[in-house]
């Protein structure tokens, strides 16, 4: 089974179909630039949550990351 590295380049529809069909496995890139982009995104979410900013899919009542209070 071939591996699809997320963050190594653009994804194609064919990539998504192959993953969905079990033909490829996925891993996240360990390239420093990609890891930094992920960390920056996480920091944005953390700031929004700490300031009680409604954030779709995180604290708005939709998505797996919803905060139940």
N, C-alpha and C. Protein backbone atom coordinates (compact mmCIF):
# COMPACT_ATOMS: atom_id res chain seq x y z
N UNK A 1 0.85 -1.18 0.00
CA UNK A 1 0.00 0.00 0.00
C UNK A 1 0.89 1.24 0.00
N UNK A 2 0.62 2.15 -0.90
CA UNK A 2 1.43 3.36 -0.96
C UNK A 2 0.97 4.37 0.10
N UNK A 3 1.83 5.32 0.37
CA UNK A 3 1.58 6.29 1.42
C UNK A 3 1.37 7.68 0.81
N UNK A 4 0.38 8.39 1.33
CA UNK A 4 0.11 9.77 0.94
C UNK A 4 0.55 10.66 2.10
N UNK A 5 1.47 11.55 1.84
CA UNK A 5 1.98 12.43 2.88
C UNK A 5 1.24 13.76 2.80
N UNK A 6 0.46 14.05 3.82
CA UNK A 6 -0.28 15.30 3.88
C UNK A 6 0.69 16.43 4.24
N UNK A 7 0.67 17.48 3.45
CA UNK A 7 1.56 18.61 3.69
C UNK A 7 2.76 18.62 2.76
N UNK A 8 2.92 17.56 1.99
CA UNK A 8 4.06 17.46 1.07
C UNK A 8 3.76 18.12 -0.27
N UNK A 9 2.50 18.43 -0.51
CA UNK A 9 2.10 19.04 -1.77
C UNK A 9 0.60 19.03 -1.89
N UNK A 10 0.07 19.49 -3.00
CA UNK A 10 -1.38 19.52 -3.16
C UNK A 10 -1.97 18.11 -3.25
N UNK A 11 -3.23 17.99 -2.83
CA UNK A 11 -3.95 16.72 -2.94
C UNK A 11 -4.83 16.76 -4.17
N UNK A 12 -4.96 15.63 -4.80
CA UNK A 12 -5.84 15.53 -5.96
C UNK A 12 -7.10 14.75 -5.56
N UNK A 13 -8.10 14.85 -6.40
CA UNK A 13 -9.31 14.05 -6.19
C UNK A 13 -8.93 12.57 -6.18
N UNK A 14 -8.01 12.19 -7.03
CA UNK A 14 -7.57 10.80 -7.10
C UNK A 14 -6.92 10.36 -5.78
N UNK A 15 -6.18 11.28 -5.14
CA UNK A 15 -5.60 10.96 -3.83
C UNK A 15 -6.69 10.66 -2.80
N UNK A 16 -7.70 11.52 -2.76
CA UNK A 16 -8.79 11.36 -1.80
C UNK A 16 -9.54 10.05 -2.06
N UNK A 17 -9.81 9.76 -3.32
CA UNK A 17 -10.51 8.53 -3.68
C UNK A 17 -9.68 7.31 -3.28
N UNK A 18 -8.37 7.35 -3.50
CA UNK A 18 -7.51 6.22 -3.14
C UNK A 18 -7.48 6.00 -1.64
N UNK A 19 -7.45 7.07 -0.86
CA UNK A 19 -7.47 6.93 0.60
C UNK A 19 -8.83 6.38 1.04
N UNK A 20 -9.91 6.95 0.52
CA UNK A 20 -11.25 6.50 0.89
C UNK A 20 -11.47 5.03 0.52
N UNK A 21 -10.84 4.60 -0.55
CA UNK A 21 -10.99 3.22 -0.99
C UNK A 21 -10.01 2.26 -0.33
N UNK A 22 -9.21 2.76 0.59
CA UNK A 22 -8.27 1.90 1.29
C UNK A 22 -7.04 1.52 0.50
N UNK A 23 -6.79 2.22 -0.60
CA UNK A 23 -5.65 1.91 -1.45
C UNK A 23 -4.36 2.62 -1.01
N UNK A 24 -4.52 3.68 -0.21
CA UNK A 24 -3.35 4.43 0.27
C UNK A 24 -3.54 4.71 1.75
N UNK A 25 -2.44 4.75 2.46
CA UNK A 25 -2.49 5.16 3.86
C UNK A 25 -1.96 6.60 3.94
N UNK A 26 -2.30 7.28 5.01
CA UNK A 26 -1.98 8.70 5.16
C UNK A 26 -1.08 8.92 6.35
N UNK A 27 -0.16 9.86 6.19
CA UNK A 27 0.61 10.35 7.34
C UNK A 27 0.85 11.83 7.14
N UNK A 28 1.06 12.54 8.24
CA UNK A 28 1.37 13.96 8.17
C UNK A 28 2.85 14.15 7.92
N UNK A 29 3.17 15.16 7.14
CA UNK A 29 4.56 15.50 6.86
C UNK A 29 5.26 15.92 8.16
N UNK A 30 6.53 15.61 8.23
CA UNK A 30 7.35 16.06 9.36
C UNK A 30 8.26 17.21 8.95
N UNK A 31 8.06 17.74 7.75
CA UNK A 31 8.85 18.88 7.29
C UNK A 31 8.61 20.06 8.23
N UNK A 32 9.67 20.74 8.66
CA UNK A 32 9.52 21.84 9.62
C UNK A 32 8.52 22.92 9.19
N UNK A 33 8.48 23.27 7.92
CA UNK A 33 7.55 24.32 7.47
C UNK A 33 6.10 23.88 7.66
N UNK A 34 5.82 22.62 7.37
CA UNK A 34 4.45 22.11 7.55
C UNK A 34 4.10 22.04 9.03
N UNK A 35 5.00 21.52 9.84
CA UNK A 35 4.76 21.43 11.29
C UNK A 35 4.49 22.82 11.86
N UNK A 36 5.22 23.83 11.41
CA UNK A 36 5.02 25.21 11.86
C UNK A 36 3.65 25.74 11.45
N UNK A 37 3.20 25.43 10.23
CA UNK A 37 1.86 25.87 9.79
C UNK A 37 0.78 25.25 10.67
N UNK A 38 0.94 23.99 11.00
CA UNK A 38 -0.04 23.32 11.87
C UNK A 38 -0.04 23.97 13.25
N UNK A 39 1.14 24.24 13.78
CA UNK A 39 1.25 24.88 15.10
C UNK A 39 0.62 26.27 15.10
N UNK A 40 0.83 27.03 14.03
CA UNK A 40 0.22 28.37 13.94
C UNK A 40 -1.30 28.27 13.91
N UNK A 41 -1.82 27.30 13.18
CA UNK A 41 -3.28 27.10 13.13
C UNK A 41 -3.84 26.73 14.48
N UNK A 42 -3.14 25.86 15.20
CA UNK A 42 -3.59 25.48 16.54
C UNK A 42 -3.57 26.68 17.47
N UNK A 43 -2.57 27.53 17.34
CA UNK A 43 -2.48 28.73 18.19
C UNK A 43 -3.65 29.67 17.92
N UNK A 44 -4.07 29.80 16.66
CA UNK A 44 -5.23 30.63 16.33
C UNK A 44 -6.47 30.10 17.03
N UNK A 45 -6.68 28.80 16.95
CA UNK A 45 -7.85 28.19 17.61
C UNK A 45 -7.77 28.42 19.12
N UNK A 46 -6.62 28.21 19.71
CA UNK A 46 -6.47 28.41 21.16
C UNK A 46 -6.80 29.85 21.55
N UNK A 47 -6.32 30.83 20.78
CA UNK A 47 -6.62 32.24 21.07
C UNK A 47 -8.11 32.52 20.95
N UNK A 48 -8.73 32.01 19.91
CA UNK A 48 -10.16 32.23 19.72
C UNK A 48 -10.96 31.62 20.87
N UNK A 49 -10.59 30.43 21.28
CA UNK A 49 -11.31 29.80 22.38
C UNK A 49 -11.10 30.54 23.69
N UNK A 50 -9.89 31.00 23.94
CA UNK A 50 -9.63 31.71 25.20
C UNK A 50 -10.35 33.06 25.24
N UNK A 51 -10.70 33.60 24.07
CA UNK A 51 -11.45 34.86 24.00
C UNK A 51 -12.93 34.64 23.74
N UNK A 52 -13.38 33.40 23.84
CA UNK A 52 -14.79 33.02 23.65
C UNK A 52 -15.34 33.47 22.29
N UNK A 53 -14.50 33.42 21.26
CA UNK A 53 -14.93 33.78 19.91
C UNK A 53 -15.59 32.56 19.28
N UNK A 54 -16.83 32.69 18.78
CA UNK A 54 -17.46 31.56 18.11
C UNK A 54 -16.60 31.08 16.94
N UNK A 55 -16.32 29.80 16.93
CA UNK A 55 -15.44 29.22 15.92
C UNK A 55 -16.11 27.98 15.35
N UNK A 56 -16.56 28.09 14.11
CA UNK A 56 -17.31 27.02 13.47
C UNK A 56 -16.58 25.69 13.56
N UNK A 57 -17.29 24.67 13.99
CA UNK A 57 -16.71 23.33 14.08
C UNK A 57 -15.92 23.09 15.35
N UNK A 58 -15.75 24.11 16.18
CA UNK A 58 -14.99 23.93 17.42
C UNK A 58 -15.90 24.19 18.62
N UNK A 59 -16.54 25.36 18.64
CA UNK A 59 -17.41 25.66 19.78
C UNK A 59 -18.77 26.19 19.37
N UNK A 60 -19.19 25.88 18.15
CA UNK A 60 -20.48 26.37 17.68
C UNK A 60 -21.58 25.31 17.70
N UNK A 61 -21.28 24.15 18.21
CA UNK A 61 -22.29 23.10 18.26
C UNK A 61 -22.28 22.18 17.06
N UNK A 62 -21.19 22.19 16.30
CA UNK A 62 -21.08 21.32 15.14
C UNK A 62 -19.66 20.79 15.06
N UNK A 63 -19.52 19.55 14.74
CA UNK A 63 -18.18 18.97 14.53
C UNK A 63 -17.72 18.15 15.72
N UNK A 64 -16.70 17.34 15.48
CA UNK A 64 -16.20 16.43 16.50
C UNK A 64 -15.47 17.16 17.61
N UNK A 65 -15.01 18.39 17.36
CA UNK A 65 -14.25 19.13 18.36
C UNK A 65 -15.13 20.07 19.19
N UNK A 66 -16.43 19.95 19.07
CA UNK A 66 -17.33 20.86 19.78
C UNK A 66 -17.09 20.78 21.29
N UNK A 67 -17.12 21.93 21.93
CA UNK A 67 -16.93 21.99 23.39
C UNK A 67 -18.31 21.96 24.02
N UNK A 68 -18.58 20.91 24.76
CA UNK A 68 -19.86 20.77 25.46
C UNK A 68 -19.78 21.40 26.83
N UNK A 69 -20.65 22.37 27.09
CA UNK A 69 -20.67 23.01 28.41
C UNK A 69 -22.02 22.89 29.03
